Amino acid sequence: MLTFIVLVGFIISLIGLLLIVLSLIPGEREENKVEGGGVLIVGPLPIVFGSSRRAALIAAIIGVIMIIIVLALTIVMAWWAT
């Protein structure tokens, strides 16, 4: 089980590294407005921030999806442990 968790973490890290490398490839440049946002979860309280309403909404949606994934993995790991 521990090997599986380590493998999943390694794969997720590689995907993140690949996305960073792909973002550095030069391409066609246009005038784009850059927006950013994030979610900070302190206990049960999510704190959502963003440079615009749209960025904050996208960050909140991604945060909810990540919480659902973590809960699902926790339930599956608890079920496998029994």
C-alpha atoms as a PDB file:
ATOM      1  CA  MET A   1       0.000   0.000   0.000  1.00  0.00           C
ATOM      2  CA  LEU A   2       2.807   2.394   0.864  1.00  0.00           C
ATOM      3  CA  THR A   3       4.442   1.691  -2.493  1.00  0.00           C
ATOM      4  CA  PHE A   4       1.208   2.644  -4.257  1.00  0.00           C
ATOM      5  CA  ILE A   5       0.969   5.940  -2.371  1.00  0.00           C
ATOM      6  CA  VAL A   6       4.593   6.778  -3.133  1.00  0.00           C
ATOM      7  CA  LEU A   7       4.043   5.935  -6.810  1.00  0.00           C
ATOM      8  CA  VAL A   8       0.942   8.157  -7.029  1.00  0.00           C
ATOM      9  CA  GLY A   9       2.820  11.035  -5.368  1.00  0.00           C
ATOM     10  CA  PHE A  10       5.735  10.599  -7.751  1.00  0.00           C
ATOM     11  CA  ILE A  11       3.453  10.598 -10.802  1.00  0.00           C
ATOM     12  CA  ILE A  12       1.639  13.730  -9.621  1.00  0.00           C
ATOM     13  CA  SER A  13       4.996  15.461  -9.064  1.00  0.00           C
ATOM     14  CA  LEU A  14       6.144  14.511 -12.567  1.00  0.00           C
ATOM     15  CA  ILE A  15       2.933  15.859 -14.091  1.00  0.00           C
ATOM     16  CA  GLY A  16       3.437  19.153 -12.248  1.00  0.00           C
ATOM     17  CA  LEU A  17       7.051  19.372 -13.414  1.00  0.00           C
ATOM     18  CA  LEU A  18       5.989  18.640 -16.990  1.00  0.00           C
ATOM     19  CA  LEU A  19       3.377  21.416 -16.860  1.00  0.00           C
ATOM     20  CA  ILE A  20       5.999  23.882 -15.614  1.00  0.00           C
ATOM     21  CA  VAL A  21       8.411  22.922 -18.401  1.00  0.00           C
ATOM     22  CA  LEU A  22       5.666  23.181 -21.035  1.00  0.00           C
ATOM     23  CA  SER A  23       4.739  26.651 -19.811  1.00  0.00           C
ATOM     24  CA  LEU A  24       8.298  27.833 -20.472  1.00  0.00           C
ATOM     25  CA  ILE A  25       8.228  26.921 -24.172  1.00  0.00           C
ATOM     26  CA  PRO A  26       8.103  30.134 -26.180  1.00  0.00           C
ATOM     27  CA  GLY A  27       5.120  30.534 -28.416  1.00  0.00           C
ATOM     28  CA  GLU A  28       3.010  33.155 -30.063  1.00  0.00           C
ATOM     29  CA  ARG A  29       2.728  36.136 -27.752  1.00  0.00           C
ATOM     30  CA  GLU A  30      -0.431  38.171 -27.583  1.00  0.00           C
ATOM     31  CA  GLU A  31      -1.647  40.819 -25.224  1.00  0.00           C
ATOM     32  CA  ASN A  32      -3.139  38.703 -22.471  1.00  0.00           C
ATOM     33  CA  LYS A  33      -4.486  39.733 -19.123  1.00  0.00           C
ATOM     34  CA  VAL A  34      -2.955  37.595 -16.396  1.00  0.00           C
ATOM     35  CA  GLU A  35      -5.186  36.573 -13.522  1.00  0.00           C
ATOM     36  CA  GLY A  36      -4.370  34.461 -10.508  1.00  0.00           C
ATOM     37  CA  GLY A  37      -6.049  32.993  -7.486  1.00  0.00           C
ATOM     38  CA  GLY A  38      -5.764  30.381  -4.808  1.00  0.00           C
ATOM     39  CA  VAL A  39      -7.393  28.575  -1.937  1.00  0.00           C
ATOM     40  CA  LEU A  40      -5.923  28.345   1.540  1.00  0.00           C
ATOM     41  CA  ILE A  41      -7.618  25.761   3.726  1.00  0.00           C
ATOM     42  CA  VAL A  42      -7.185  26.385   7.449  1.00  0.00           C
ATOM     43  CA  GLY A  43      -8.987  23.615   9.279  1.00  0.00           C
ATOM     44  CA  PRO A  44     -12.572  23.608   8.041  1.00  0.00           C
ATOM     45  CA  LEU A  45     -12.387  27.195   6.747  1.00  0.00           C
ATOM     46  CA  PRO A  46     -11.462  27.756   3.089  1.00  0.00           C
ATOM     47  CA  ILE A  47      -9.985  31.165   2.292  1.00  0.00           C
ATOM     48  CA  VAL A  48     -10.364  31.964  -1.406  1.00  0.00           C
ATOM     49  CA  PHE A  49      -8.468  34.818  -3.035  1.00  0.00           C
ATOM     50  CA  GLY A  50      -7.892  36.025  -6.554  1.00  0.00           C
ATOM     51  CA  SER A  51      -6.984  39.011  -8.677  1.00  0.00           C
ATOM     52  CA  SER A  52     -10.520  39.005 -10.095  1.00  0.00           C
ATOM     53  CA  ARG A  53     -13.877  37.451  -9.356  1.00  0.00           C
ATOM     54  CA  ARG A  54     -13.397  34.953 -12.169  1.00  0.00           C
ATOM     55  CA  ALA A  55      -9.984  33.823 -10.890  1.00  0.00           C
ATOM     56  CA  ALA A  56     -11.345  33.418  -7.356  1.00  0.00           C
ATOM     57  CA  LEU A  57     -14.288  31.364  -8.642  1.00  0.00           C
ATOM     58  CA  ILE A  58     -12.004  29.070 -10.637  1.00  0.00           C
ATOM     59  CA  ALA A  59      -9.716  28.675  -7.611  1.00  0.00           C
ATOM     60  CA  ALA A  60     -12.716  27.816  -5.416  1.00  0.00           C
ATOM     61  CA  ILE A  61     -13.939  25.198  -7.895  1.00  0.00           C
ATOM     62  CA  ILE A  62     -10.484  23.614  -8.101  1.00  0.00           C
ATOM     63  CA  GLY A  63     -10.288  23.670  -4.292  1.00  0.00           C
ATOM     64  CA  VAL A  64     -13.607  21.836  -3.962  1.00  0.00           C
ATOM     65  CA  ILE A  65     -12.492  19.236  -6.512  1.00  0.00           C
ATOM     66  CA  MET A  66      -9.235  18.696  -4.609  1.00  0.00           C
ATOM     67  CA  ILE A  67     -11.093  18.285  -1.292  1.00  0.00           C
ATOM     68  CA  ILE A  68     -13.400  15.694  -2.887  1.00  0.00           C
ATOM     69  CA  ILE A  69     -10.371  13.789  -4.233  1.00  0.00           C
ATOM     70  CA  VAL A  70      -8.658  13.825  -0.824  1.00  0.00           C
ATOM     71  CA  LEU A  71     -11.820  12.606   0.916  1.00  0.00           C
ATOM     72  CA  ALA A  72     -12.320   9.858  -1.668  1.00  0.00           C
ATOM     73  CA  LEU A  73      -8.709   8.689  -1.322  1.00  0.00           C
ATOM     74  CA  THR A  74      -9.004   8.738   2.476  1.00  0.00           C
ATOM     75  CA  ILE A  75     -12.133   6.579   2.339  1.00  0.00           C
ATOM     76  CA  VAL A  76     -10.528   4.142  -0.118  1.00  0.00           C
ATOM     77  CA  MET A  77      -7.357   3.864   1.965  1.00  0.00           C
ATOM     78  CA  ALA A  78      -9.387   3.267   5.147  1.00  0.00           C
ATOM     79  CA  TRP A  79     -11.418   0.607   3.336  1.00  0.00           C
ATOM     80  CA  TRP A  80      -8.241  -1.114   2.076  1.00  0.00           C
ATOM     81  CA  ALA A  81      -6.719  -1.085   5.568  1.00  0.00           C
ATOM     82  CA  THR A  82      -9.577  -3.162   6.984  1.00  0.00           C
END
